[in-house]
Amino acid sequence: MKNQARIGLLAGAAILSGLVLTRCQSAEDAAIVTDSTTIDSIREGGELVVLTLESPTTYRKFAETEEGYEIDIVEEFADSLGVKPRYVVMDNVEALIKGIENGRGHIGAAGLTMTEARSARVKFGPAYKNVEEAVVCHQKGPAPTDLDELADVKLTVLAGSSYVETLQRLKADHAGLNWSTRRAGSAMPMLGAVAMRRVECTISDSHLAEYARRLYPDLITPMTVSEDRPLGWIYNGKIGGMDTALEDWFAEQHNNGYLEELDEHWFGYLDEFDYVEVLRFVERVEDRLPEFKTYFQAAAADTEFEWHLLAAQAYQESHWDPDAVSGTGVRGLMMLTLPTAEELGVEDRTDPAQSVEGGAKYLRRLYDRIPDGVQGEDRLWFALAAYNVGMGHIYDARRIAERKGLDKNRWDDLRTVLPLLSRPEYYSTVKHGYARGHEPVRYVRKIRDYYRMLRSNEPV
């Protein structure tokens, strides 16, 4: 998975992260797809023009990079063709579909549900993810659980979306269903409006709804209005060989596990939702983080980690309390032990600037000590786990993984092995002995969750 290390490291650390930067521009009037366009001519031109939409799970441009679930897939596909992607951000779904119809892009990658109406206008590539369409409301408002109750709700949905098609189909048997529409790049503005109680309820893809709950913990999803529905890229049917290129490439990515890995990377952490925990985090982003943000940014510049990652780790360690102390004597924002602090030159562990600088340096040392076989973002997860449980136990877990025929260089395999270090039949066979191995697994998972929430809150 070439783009696996996108999370956590600064764009300036391209050597470490394998990050490939791309370009984005506004839509142009001139068509780039003609009757003579083929997959080979795209290769020769060296550029894949991708129409997309701005959304936290699709495409976002930050000062240092562009990122998104769809973007990660696009870059892998473009790399397989030997070309670079150029992103054209469209205003809304209808503009994107018309852009593909009019030949202004080679593909449209924006989490589009495959529907009959869309398929009549443009070609779809193979499905790469299934989602449900969920009704999203505020916890203090209506909570419909069936279509009859939904008919009593003031529903506002994304114009030109598959949600409109779904509601039109359902209305045939439930005449009371009514809704209004708004144009936007994704359902996210409607989700925000529901959170602010400016809109009563909306509909969004299930994964986007769960993502949004990390930003707006008062959102609820009381019902769905569809079964699993496939997402796919769209493309202009004039492009000779594009159908075969997409079919072959997606088949390979399904078979080699890349799409499953990417899905876990972007959405695996969404399975667990704790309302109280997320609400507390959102509140502390506002009332505690501003005091320490410059320290995280300074440490990030020195260590080539993203400041969001360091802030997420510090929250998991101390909830951004510089005076935090544990029963074992670790203390400060980054909860450093006394020996580690002395080794790093930290004189006062309760001083926020010293704690963050020391913690970031320590994480960097661990990152650099991870064996070379561990690549991409797996290397970051290993380093974070070592910060929590100690490098020796990481080495022990790798040995056990190897014995069990698992890949010792992959976090997905190591996280299944680490909890075994609390069982005598395993810890008695390795050098560093007993460890509460479930703790580093939870530690990494929580940091990933906080990291994503911080990134989602960051202005683009």
Protein backbone atom coordinates (compact mmCIF):
# COMPACT_ATOMS: atom_id res chain seq x y z
CA MET A 1 0.00 0.00 0.00
CA LYS A 2 2.12 2.85 -1.33
CA ASN A 3 0.25 5.71 0.34
CA GLN A 4 -0.06 4.00 3.69
CA ALA A 5 2.09 6.53 5.55
CA ARG A 6 -0.01 9.55 4.68
CA ILE A 7 -1.20 9.91 8.27
CA GLY A 8 0.92 11.46 11.00
CA LEU A 9 4.01 12.71 9.15
CA LEU A 10 4.49 16.14 7.66
CA ALA A 11 4.47 16.58 3.90
CA GLY A 12 8.06 17.76 4.24
CA ALA A 13 8.99 14.24 5.28
CA ALA A 14 8.21 12.77 1.88
CA ILE A 15 11.14 10.38 2.09
CA LEU A 16 9.72 8.92 5.29
CA SER A 17 6.09 8.83 4.25
CA GLY A 18 6.19 8.00 0.57
CA LEU A 19 3.78 10.87 0.04
CA VAL A 20 3.05 11.91 -3.55
CA LEU A 21 1.77 15.45 -3.79
CA THR A 22 -0.80 16.28 -6.47
CA ARG A 23 -2.35 19.40 -7.89
CA CYS A 24 -5.86 20.80 -7.72
CA GLN A 25 -7.49 23.47 -9.82
CA SER A 26 -10.89 24.82 -10.76
CA ALA A 27 -12.89 23.22 -13.57
CA GLU A 28 -12.03 24.43 -17.07
CA ASP A 29 -14.41 24.82 -19.99
CA ALA A 30 -12.24 22.95 -22.50
CA ALA A 31 -13.00 19.24 -22.89
CA ILE A 32 -10.00 16.95 -22.50
CA VAL A 33 -11.83 13.77 -23.60
CA THR A 34 -12.44 13.32 -27.34
CA ASP A 35 -13.36 10.41 -29.61
CA SER A 36 -9.65 9.62 -29.93
CA THR A 37 -8.93 9.48 -26.18
CA THR A 38 -7.71 6.09 -24.98
CA ILE A 39 -6.08 4.74 -21.86
CA ASP A 40 -2.82 4.68 -23.83
CA SER A 41 -3.13 8.36 -24.79
CA ILE A 42 -3.67 9.18 -21.11
CA ARG A 43 -0.46 7.30 -20.31
CA GLU A 44 1.38 9.20 -23.01
CA GLY A 45 0.04 12.51 -21.71
CA GLY A 46 1.26 11.67 -18.21
CA GLU A 47 -1.82 13.07 -16.46
CA LEU A 48 -5.10 11.65 -15.15
CA VAL A 49 -7.71 14.39 -14.74
CA VAL A 50 -9.93 13.56 -11.78
CA LEU A 51 -13.16 15.38 -11.02
CA THR A 52 -13.95 15.23 -7.32
CA LEU A 53 -15.90 16.87 -4.50
CA GLU A 54 -14.65 18.37 -1.28
CA SER A 55 -15.54 16.28 1.76
CA PRO A 56 -13.65 14.98 4.82
CA THR A 57 -13.79 11.43 3.48
CA THR A 58 -13.25 12.28 -0.20
CA TYR A 59 -10.91 15.19 -0.83
CA ARG A 60 -9.47 17.95 1.36
CA LYS A 61 -6.60 20.28 0.57
CA PHE A 62 -4.44 21.48 3.43
CA ALA A 63 -1.53 23.87 3.31
CA GLU A 64 0.94 20.99 3.17
CA THR A 65 -0.94 18.24 1.38
CA GLU A 66 -4.11 16.90 -0.16
CA GLU A 67 -5.81 13.92 1.40
CA GLY A 68 -8.91 11.76 1.36
CA TYR A 69 -10.07 8.19 1.08
CA GLU A 70 -10.86 8.62 -2.61
CA ILE A 71 -7.55 10.41 -3.16
CA ASP A 72 -5.59 7.48 -1.77
CA ILE A 73 -7.30 5.12 -4.22
CA VAL A 74 -6.83 7.51 -7.13
CA GLU A 75 -3.12 7.89 -6.50
CA GLU A 76 -2.63 4.12 -6.47
CA PHE A 77 -4.53 3.78 -9.75
CA ALA A 78 -2.65 6.68 -11.35
CA ASP A 79 0.64 5.15 -10.23
CA SER A 80 -0.32 1.88 -11.94
CA LEU A 81 -0.78 3.84 -15.18
CA GLY A 82 2.50 5.70 -14.73
CA VAL A 83 0.79 9.10 -14.60
CA LYS A 84 0.08 11.83 -12.05
CA PRO A 85 -3.44 12.82 -11.03
CA ARG A 86 -4.71 16.38 -11.39
CA TYR A 87 -7.74 17.09 -9.23
CA VAL A 88 -10.56 19.37 -10.33
CA VAL A 89 -12.90 20.14 -7.44
CA MET A 90 -16.50 20.53 -8.60
CA ASP A 91 -19.20 22.47 -6.79
CA ASN A 92 -21.72 19.66 -6.44
CA VAL A 93 -22.70 16.18 -7.62
CA GLU A 94 -24.60 17.34 -10.68
CA ALA A 95 -21.70 19.52 -11.83
CA LEU A 96 -19.35 16.57 -11.44
CA ILE A 97 -21.55 14.23 -13.49
CA LYS A 98 -22.02 16.87 -16.19
CA GLY A 99 -18.26 17.40 -16.21
CA ILE A 100 -17.68 13.75 -17.01
CA GLU A 101 -20.48 13.79 -19.62
CA ASN A 102 -18.87 16.81 -21.28
CA GLY A 103 -15.40 15.31 -21.28
CA ARG A 104 -13.81 17.68 -18.74
CA GLY A 105 -12.27 14.84 -16.78
CA HIS A 106 -11.16 11.26 -17.27
CA ILE A 107 -12.76 9.91 -14.09
CA GLY A 108 -15.01 11.15 -11.33
CA ALA A 109 -13.97 9.95 -7.87
CA ALA A 110 -16.25 11.24 -5.13
CA GLY A 111 -17.90 8.39 -3.25
CA LEU A 112 -20.74 8.17 -5.78
CA THR A 113 -23.44 5.56 -5.25
CA MET A 114 -24.21 3.45 -8.30
CA THR A 115 -27.78 4.24 -9.34
CA GLU A 116 -29.87 3.55 -12.44
CA ALA A 117 -30.32 7.24 -13.19
CA ARG A 118 -26.57 7.91 -13.05
CA SER A 119 -25.72 4.78 -15.02
CA ALA A 120 -27.95 6.05 -17.83
CA ARG A 121 -25.71 9.11 -18.14
CA VAL A 122 -22.17 7.94 -17.41
CA LYS A 123 -20.21 4.72 -17.05
CA PHE A 124 -19.37 3.26 -13.63
CA GLY A 125 -16.20 1.38 -12.83
CA PRO A 126 -16.23 -1.59 -10.44
CA ALA A 127 -17.66 -1.22 -6.93
CA TYR A 128 -15.06 -0.67 -4.21
CA LYS A 129 -17.14 -0.06 -1.07
CA ASN A 130 -20.70 -0.64 0.17
CA VAL A 131 -22.59 1.85 2.32
CA GLU A 132 -26.07 2.30 3.71
CA GLU A 133 -28.01 5.54 3.52
CA ALA A 134 -28.76 6.67 7.05
CA VAL A 135 -31.19 9.22 8.44
CA VAL A 136 -29.30 11.64 10.70
CA CYS A 137 -30.98 13.80 13.34
CA HIS A 138 -30.07 15.72 16.49
CA GLN A 139 -30.43 13.77 19.72
CA LYS A 140 -32.75 16.46 21.09
CA GLY A 141 -35.00 16.37 18.03
CA PRO A 142 -37.10 13.76 16.22
CA ALA A 143 -35.81 10.20 15.99
CA PRO A 144 -37.84 8.40 13.30
CA THR A 145 -37.51 4.64 13.24
CA ASP A 146 -39.72 3.84 10.23
CA LEU A 147 -40.93 5.51 7.04
CA ASP A 148 -44.26 6.56 8.54
CA GLU A 149 -42.44 8.50 11.28
CA LEU A 150 -39.99 9.87 8.72
CA ALA A 151 -42.94 11.41 6.87
CA ASP A 152 -43.49 13.69 9.87
CA VAL A 153 -39.91 15.00 9.80
CA LYS A 154 -38.66 18.11 8.02
CA LEU A 155 -36.01 16.45 5.87
CA THR A 156 -33.30 18.33 3.97
CA VAL A 157 -30.97 16.36 1.70
CA LEU A 158 -28.14 16.93 -0.75
CA ALA A 159 -29.40 18.00 -4.19
CA GLY A 160 -28.53 15.60 -7.01
CA SER A 161 -27.62 12.86 -4.56
CA SER A 162 -28.57 9.20 -4.48
CA TYR A 163 -30.60 10.09 -1.37
CA VAL A 164 -33.06 11.98 -3.57
CA GLU A 165 -33.43 8.95 -5.84
CA THR A 166 -33.99 6.73 -2.80
CA LEU A 167 -36.69 9.05 -1.41
CA GLN A 168 -38.40 9.29 -4.79
CA ARG A 169 -38.55 5.51 -4.96
CA LEU A 170 -39.85 5.20 -1.39
CA LYS A 171 -42.47 7.89 -1.96
CA ALA A 172 -44.30 5.57 -4.37
CA ASP A 173 -45.44 3.53 -1.35
CA HIS A 174 -45.26 6.28 1.27
CA ALA A 175 -46.93 9.31 -0.23
CA GLY A 176 -46.44 11.34 2.92
CA LEU A 177 -42.66 11.55 2.44
CA ASN A 178 -41.49 15.06 1.62
CA TRP A 179 -38.10 16.75 1.58
CA SER A 180 -36.22 19.81 0.43
CA THR A 181 -32.78 19.88 -1.18
CA ARG A 182 -29.65 22.00 -0.96
CA ARG A 183 -26.66 22.07 -3.27
CA ALA A 184 -23.26 21.31 -1.75
CA GLY A 185 -20.12 19.30 -2.40
CA SER A 186 -21.21 16.58 0.02
CA ALA A 187 -23.73 15.81 2.75
CA MET A 188 -21.38 17.27 5.36
CA PRO A 189 -22.87 20.81 5.33
CA MET A 190 -26.29 19.30 6.01
CA LEU A 191 -24.86 17.22 8.85
CA GLY A 192 -23.39 20.37 10.34
CA ALA A 193 -26.73 22.13 9.96
CA VAL A 194 -28.45 19.29 11.82
CA ALA A 195 -25.87 19.56 14.59
CA MET A 196 -26.58 23.30 14.86
CA ARG A 197 -30.31 22.51 14.81
CA ARG A 198 -30.86 24.58 11.68
CA VAL A 199 -32.08 21.47 9.88
CA GLU A 200 -34.27 18.86 11.54
CA CYS A 201 -32.90 15.74 9.82
CA THR A 202 -30.91 14.77 6.73
CA ILE A 203 -29.63 11.64 5.00
CA SER A 204 -26.03 10.67 4.39
CA ASP A 205 -23.92 7.63 3.65
CA SER A 206 -23.42 5.62 6.81
CA HIS A 207 -19.64 6.04 6.95
CA LEU A 208 -19.88 9.81 6.53
CA ALA A 209 -22.53 9.96 9.28
CA GLU A 210 -20.24 8.06 11.66
CA TYR A 211 -17.34 10.31 10.68
CA ALA A 212 -19.47 13.39 11.37
CA ARG A 213 -20.37 12.15 14.85
CA ARG A 214 -16.72 12.68 15.80
CA LEU A 215 -17.21 16.36 15.01
CA TYR A 216 -20.79 16.64 16.19
CA PRO A 217 -21.40 14.12 18.97
CA ASP A 218 -25.06 15.17 19.33
CA LEU A 219 -25.91 13.55 15.98
CA ILE A 220 -27.82 10.27 15.98
CA THR A 221 -28.70 7.79 13.21
CA PRO A 222 -32.10 6.37 14.20
CA MET A 223 -32.76 4.48 10.94
CA THR A 224 -31.54 3.65 7.46
CA VAL A 225 -33.48 4.05 4.22
CA SER A 226 -31.50 1.61 2.09
CA GLU A 227 -29.65 -1.66 2.22
CA ASP A 228 -25.96 -1.80 1.31
CA ARG A 229 -25.34 0.11 -1.91
CA PRO A 230 -22.10 0.09 -3.92
CA LEU A 231 -19.87 3.07 -4.54
CA GLY A 232 -17.94 3.43 -7.78
CA TRP A 233 -15.99 5.87 -9.92
CA ILE A 234 -17.60 7.29 -13.04
CA TYR A 235 -15.85 7.83 -16.35
CA ASN A 236 -16.54 8.98 -19.88
CA GLY A 237 -17.45 6.05 -22.12
CA LYS A 238 -15.50 7.59 -25.03
CA ILE A 239 -12.21 6.66 -23.38
CA GLY A 240 -11.05 3.51 -25.11
CA GLY A 241 -9.78 0.85 -22.72
CA MET A 242 -10.78 2.68 -19.51
CA ASP A 243 -13.37 0.01 -18.71
CA THR A 244 -10.79 -2.79 -18.89
CA ALA A 245 -8.16 -0.77 -17.03
CA LEU A 246 -10.52 -0.12 -14.14
CA GLU A 247 -11.88 -3.65 -14.02
CA ASP A 248 -8.42 -5.21 -13.98
CA TRP A 249 -6.99 -2.79 -11.44
CA PHE A 250 -9.87 -2.96 -8.97
CA ALA A 251 -9.95 -6.76 -9.23
CA GLU A 252 -6.27 -6.83 -8.29
CA GLN A 253 -6.80 -4.44 -5.36
CA HIS A 254 -9.69 -6.52 -4.04
CA ASN A 255 -7.58 -9.67 -4.30
CA ASN A 256 -4.40 -8.28 -2.71
CA GLY A 257 -6.25 -6.72 0.22
CA TYR A 258 -5.38 -3.09 -0.53
CA LEU A 259 -8.97 -1.86 -0.51
CA GLU A 260 -9.65 -3.68 2.75
CA GLU A 261 -6.54 -2.12 4.32
CA LEU A 262 -7.51 1.34 3.12
CA ASP A 263 -11.03 0.94 4.46
CA GLU A 264 -9.59 -0.01 7.85
CA HIS A 265 -7.21 2.95 7.71
CA TRP A 266 -9.97 5.49 7.08
CA PHE A 267 -13.00 3.98 8.76
CA GLY A 268 -11.96 1.10 11.00
CA TYR A 269 -11.76 3.31 14.06
CA LEU A 270 -15.39 4.40 13.63
CA ASP A 271 -16.81 1.12 14.93
CA GLU A 272 -16.80 2.31 18.53
CA PHE A 273 -18.52 5.51 19.58
CA ASP A 274 -18.64 6.84 23.11
CA TYR A 275 -20.84 9.93 23.27
CA VAL A 276 -19.48 11.22 26.57
CA GLU A 277 -15.88 10.71 25.50
CA VAL A 278 -16.30 12.42 22.13
CA LEU A 279 -18.25 15.31 23.66
CA ARG A 280 -15.49 15.83 26.25
CA PHE A 281 -12.85 15.78 23.52
CA VAL A 282 -14.72 18.32 21.39
CA GLU A 283 -15.06 20.62 24.41
CA ARG A 284 -11.37 20.34 25.25
CA VAL A 285 -10.37 21.10 21.69
CA GLU A 286 -11.96 24.49 22.33
CA ASP A 287 -10.97 25.20 25.91
CA ARG A 288 -7.60 23.44 26.38
CA LEU A 289 -5.90 22.85 23.05
CA PRO A 290 -5.34 26.53 22.09
CA GLU A 291 -3.02 26.98 25.07
CA PHE A 292 -0.70 24.20 23.89
CA LYS A 293 -1.09 24.23 20.10
CA THR A 294 2.09 26.22 19.43
CA TYR A 295 4.10 23.68 21.45
CA PHE A 296 2.80 20.83 19.30
CA GLN A 297 3.53 22.78 16.14
CA ALA A 298 7.09 23.55 17.24
CA ALA A 299 7.75 19.93 18.17
CA ALA A 300 6.27 18.80 14.86
CA ALA A 301 8.66 21.04 12.95
CA ASP A 302 11.62 19.48 14.77
CA THR A 303 10.55 15.83 14.48
CA GLU A 304 8.62 15.73 11.17
CA PHE A 305 5.47 14.43 12.80
CA GLU A 306 2.20 16.23 12.20
CA TRP A 307 1.24 18.46 15.10
CA HIS A 308 -2.25 16.92 15.03
CA LEU A 309 -0.71 13.52 15.75
CA LEU A 310 1.35 14.83 18.67
CA ALA A 311 -1.70 16.62 20.04
CA ALA A 312 -3.77 13.44 19.70
CA GLN A 313 -1.12 11.45 21.54
CA ALA A 314 -0.91 14.06 24.30
CA TYR A 315 -4.67 13.95 24.71
CA GLN A 316 -4.59 10.19 25.10
CA GLU A 317 -1.77 10.54 27.62
CA SER A 318 -3.05 13.41 29.78
CA HIS A 319 -6.24 14.92 28.34
CA TRP A 320 -4.06 18.01 27.81
CA ASP A 321 -3.54 18.46 31.54
CA PRO A 322 0.07 19.64 32.14
CA ASP A 323 -0.17 18.65 35.80
CA ALA A 324 -1.40 15.13 35.12
CA VAL A 325 0.30 12.37 37.12
CA SER A 326 -0.26 8.63 37.20
CA GLY A 327 0.08 6.15 40.02
CA THR A 328 3.39 4.98 38.54
CA GLY A 329 4.92 8.48 38.63
CA VAL A 330 4.76 9.46 34.96
CA ARG A 331 3.59 13.04 34.56
CA GLY A 332 2.97 16.02 32.31
CA LEU A 333 1.24 16.49 28.96
CA MET A 334 3.21 13.61 27.41
CA MET A 335 3.37 11.58 30.64
CA LEU A 336 7.12 11.05 30.66
CA THR A 337 8.88 8.83 33.18
CA LEU A 338 11.62 10.49 35.21
CA PRO A 339 14.46 8.46 33.60
CA THR A 340 13.16 9.21 30.10
CA ALA A 341 12.79 12.90 30.92
CA GLU A 342 16.35 13.08 32.24
CA GLU A 343 17.67 11.29 29.17
CA LEU A 344 15.86 13.80 26.92
CA GLY A 345 17.00 16.83 28.91
CA VAL A 346 13.55 17.63 30.26
CA GLU A 347 14.09 19.42 33.58
CA ASP A 348 10.44 20.01 34.45
CA ARG A 349 7.95 17.43 33.24
CA THR A 350 5.03 19.68 34.15
CA ASP A 351 6.27 22.45 31.88
CA PRO A 352 4.12 22.07 28.73
CA ALA A 353 6.78 23.18 26.25
CA GLN A 354 9.43 20.84 27.71
CA SER A 355 7.01 17.93 27.97
CA VAL A 356 5.81 18.18 24.37
CA GLU A 357 9.33 18.66 23.01
CA GLY A 358 10.60 15.70 25.03
CA GLY A 359 7.69 13.45 24.17
CA ALA A 360 7.99 14.20 20.46
CA LYS A 361 11.75 13.51 20.51
CA TYR A 362 11.16 10.25 22.33
CA LEU A 363 8.52 9.18 19.80
CA ARG A 364 10.93 10.06 17.00
CA ARG A 365 13.66 7.92 18.56
CA LEU A 366 11.27 5.00 18.79
CA TYR A 367 10.13 5.54 15.19
CA ASP A 368 13.74 5.42 14.00
CA ARG A 369 14.41 2.23 16.02
CA ILE A 370 11.56 0.28 14.43
CA PRO A 371 12.99 -2.44 12.15
CA ASP A 372 13.34 -1.50 8.49
CA GLY A 373 10.83 -4.14 7.44
CA VAL A 374 8.05 -2.09 8.99
CA GLN A 375 6.99 0.49 6.43
CA GLY A 376 4.40 3.20 5.89
CA GLU A 377 1.96 4.10 8.60
CA ASP A 378 2.52 0.71 10.25
CA ARG A 379 5.84 2.13 11.39
CA LEU A 380 4.03 4.95 13.16
CA TRP A 381 1.63 2.57 14.92
CA PHE A 382 4.56 0.44 16.08
CA ALA A 383 6.32 3.53 17.47
CA LEU A 384 3.22 4.70 19.32
CA ALA A 385 2.69 1.23 20.76
CA ALA A 386 6.34 1.19 21.89
CA TYR A 387 5.83 4.58 23.57
CA ASN A 388 3.06 2.99 25.58
CA VAL A 389 4.38 -0.48 26.38
CA GLY A 390 8.13 -0.33 25.67
CA MET A 391 10.17 -1.35 22.65
CA GLY A 392 11.19 -4.67 24.20
CA HIS A 393 7.60 -5.87 24.26
CA ILE A 394 7.16 -4.84 20.63
CA TYR A 395 10.13 -7.01 19.72
CA ASP A 396 8.62 -9.87 21.74
CA ALA A 397 5.27 -9.50 19.98
CA ARG A 398 7.04 -9.62 16.61
CA ARG A 399 8.65 -12.91 17.60
CA ILE A 400 5.31 -14.39 18.60
CA ALA A 401 3.74 -13.15 15.36
CA GLU A 402 6.46 -14.88 13.40
CA ARG A 403 5.88 -18.15 15.28
CA LYS A 404 2.17 -17.97 14.51
CA GLY A 405 2.77 -17.44 10.80
CA LEU A 406 1.66 -13.82 10.90
CA ASP A 407 3.38 -10.82 9.36
CA LYS A 408 5.54 -9.30 12.09
CA ASN A 409 5.87 -6.10 10.08
CA ARG A 410 2.15 -5.28 9.88
CA TRP A 411 0.23 -3.52 12.63
CA ASP A 412 -2.97 -5.40 11.81
CA ASP A 413 -1.17 -8.64 12.70
CA LEU A 414 0.82 -7.27 15.61
CA ARG A 415 -2.25 -5.87 17.33
CA THR A 416 -3.76 -9.37 17.43
CA VAL A 417 -0.59 -10.69 19.06
CA LEU A 418 0.17 -8.01 21.65
CA PRO A 419 -2.67 -9.06 24.03
CA LEU A 420 -1.08 -12.53 24.20
CA LEU A 421 1.75 -11.02 26.24
CA SER A 422 -0.53 -11.15 29.28
CA ARG A 423 -0.82 -14.94 29.02
CA PRO A 424 1.90 -17.09 30.65
CA GLU A 425 2.11 -19.59 27.82
CA TYR A 426 3.31 -16.73 25.63
CA TYR A 427 5.12 -14.22 27.85
CA SER A 428 7.18 -16.98 29.47
CA THR A 429 8.72 -17.76 26.06
CA VAL A 430 10.00 -14.27 25.22
CA LYS A 431 12.76 -12.06 26.56
CA HIS A 432 10.86 -9.21 28.21
CA GLY A 433 8.10 -11.23 29.83
CA TYR A 434 4.67 -10.11 30.93
CA ALA A 435 2.92 -7.04 29.53
CA ARG A 436 -0.65 -5.80 29.52
CA GLY A 437 -0.66 -6.10 25.76
CA HIS A 438 -4.22 -4.95 25.24
CA GLU A 439 -3.23 -1.47 26.42
CA PRO A 440 -0.97 -0.47 23.47
CA VAL A 441 -3.65 -1.74 21.06
CA ARG A 442 -6.24 0.50 22.67
CA TYR A 443 -3.69 3.32 22.92
CA VAL A 444 -3.02 3.34 19.19
CA ARG A 445 -6.71 3.04 18.34
CA LYS A 446 -7.63 6.01 20.51
CA ILE A 447 -4.84 8.19 19.10
CA ARG A 448 -6.00 7.39 15.58
CA ASP A 449 -9.51 8.43 16.57
CA TYR A 450 -8.39 11.71 18.14
CA TYR A 451 -6.07 12.41 15.20
CA ARG A 452 -8.91 12.09 12.71
CA MET A 453 -11.15 14.33 14.77
CA LEU A 454 -8.45 16.99 14.96
CA ARG A 455 -7.79 16.82 11.24
CA SER A 456 -11.50 17.08 10.50
CA ASN A 457 -11.73 20.22 12.64
CA GLU A 458 -8.78 21.86 10.90
CA PRO A 459 -9.74 24.63 8.43
CA VAL A 460 -8.71 23.88 4.85
